């Protein structure tokens, strides 16, 4: 994906989170290994580093 596409996907995720937080909606999206890695990095307080290759593969 290019930068513009990444930003659009991020915008969609942010809006979904906002809607989930303000409604009775229960998400149910499974946390895959890639997303868990991201969650762990954010929760650790580490500075976000640029990934040079975007991949959801191991």
Protein backbone atom coordinates (compact mmCIF):
# COMPACT_ATOMS: atom_id res chain seq x y z
CA UNK A 1 0.00 0.00 0.00
CA UNK A 2 1.08 3.55 -0.52
CA UNK A 3 0.98 6.26 2.16
CA UNK A 4 -2.47 7.53 1.14
CA UNK A 5 -3.91 4.02 1.31
CA UNK A 6 -2.38 3.42 4.77
CA UNK A 7 -3.92 6.67 6.02
CA UNK A 8 -7.36 5.70 4.67
CA UNK A 9 -7.21 2.32 6.41
CA UNK A 10 -6.08 3.99 9.64
CA UNK A 11 -8.93 6.51 9.36
CA UNK A 12 -11.42 3.64 8.94
CA UNK A 13 -10.04 1.84 12.01
CA UNK A 14 -10.20 5.01 14.12
CA UNK A 15 -13.80 5.67 13.10
CA UNK A 16 -14.77 2.06 13.85
CA UNK A 17 -13.20 2.31 17.32
CA UNK A 18 -15.02 5.59 17.97
CA UNK A 19 -18.35 4.09 16.89
CA UNK A 20 -17.78 0.96 19.00
CA UNK A 21 -17.01 3.10 22.06
CA UNK A 22 -20.18 5.17 21.70
CA UNK A 23 -22.72 2.43 21.02
CA UNK A 24 -23.89 -0.93 22.28
CA UNK A 25 -21.91 -2.55 19.49
CA UNK A 26 -19.74 -5.47 20.50
CA UNK A 27 -16.84 -5.86 18.13
CA UNK A 28 -15.81 -9.47 17.88
CA UNK A 29 -12.91 -8.81 15.56
CA UNK A 30 -10.29 -11.44 16.32
CA UNK A 31 -6.82 -10.26 17.30
CA UNK A 32 -4.40 -11.84 14.88
CA UNK A 33 -0.66 -12.22 15.50
CA UNK A 34 0.18 -9.06 13.52
CA UNK A 35 -2.29 -6.87 15.41
CA UNK A 36 -1.21 -8.34 18.76
CA UNK A 37 2.38 -7.33 17.97
CA UNK A 38 1.19 -3.77 17.29
CA UNK A 39 -0.90 -3.69 20.48
CA UNK A 40 2.07 -4.95 22.53
CA UNK A 41 4.36 -2.29 21.05
CA UNK A 42 1.89 0.53 21.77
CA UNK A 43 1.19 -0.69 25.32
CA UNK A 44 4.92 -0.99 26.08
CA UNK A 45 5.37 2.72 25.41
CA UNK A 46 8.07 2.03 22.85
CA UNK A 47 8.58 4.58 20.13
CA UNK A 48 6.93 3.40 16.94
CA UNK A 49 9.60 2.50 14.41
CA UNK A 50 9.16 2.64 10.67
CA UNK A 51 8.65 -0.75 9.05
CA UNK A 52 10.54 -0.90 5.81
CA UNK A 53 8.48 -3.80 4.49
CA UNK A 54 4.75 -3.97 5.16
CA UNK A 55 3.60 -7.51 5.66
CA UNK A 56 1.15 -9.48 7.74
CA UNK A 57 3.19 -12.60 7.05
CA UNK A 58 5.74 -13.94 9.54
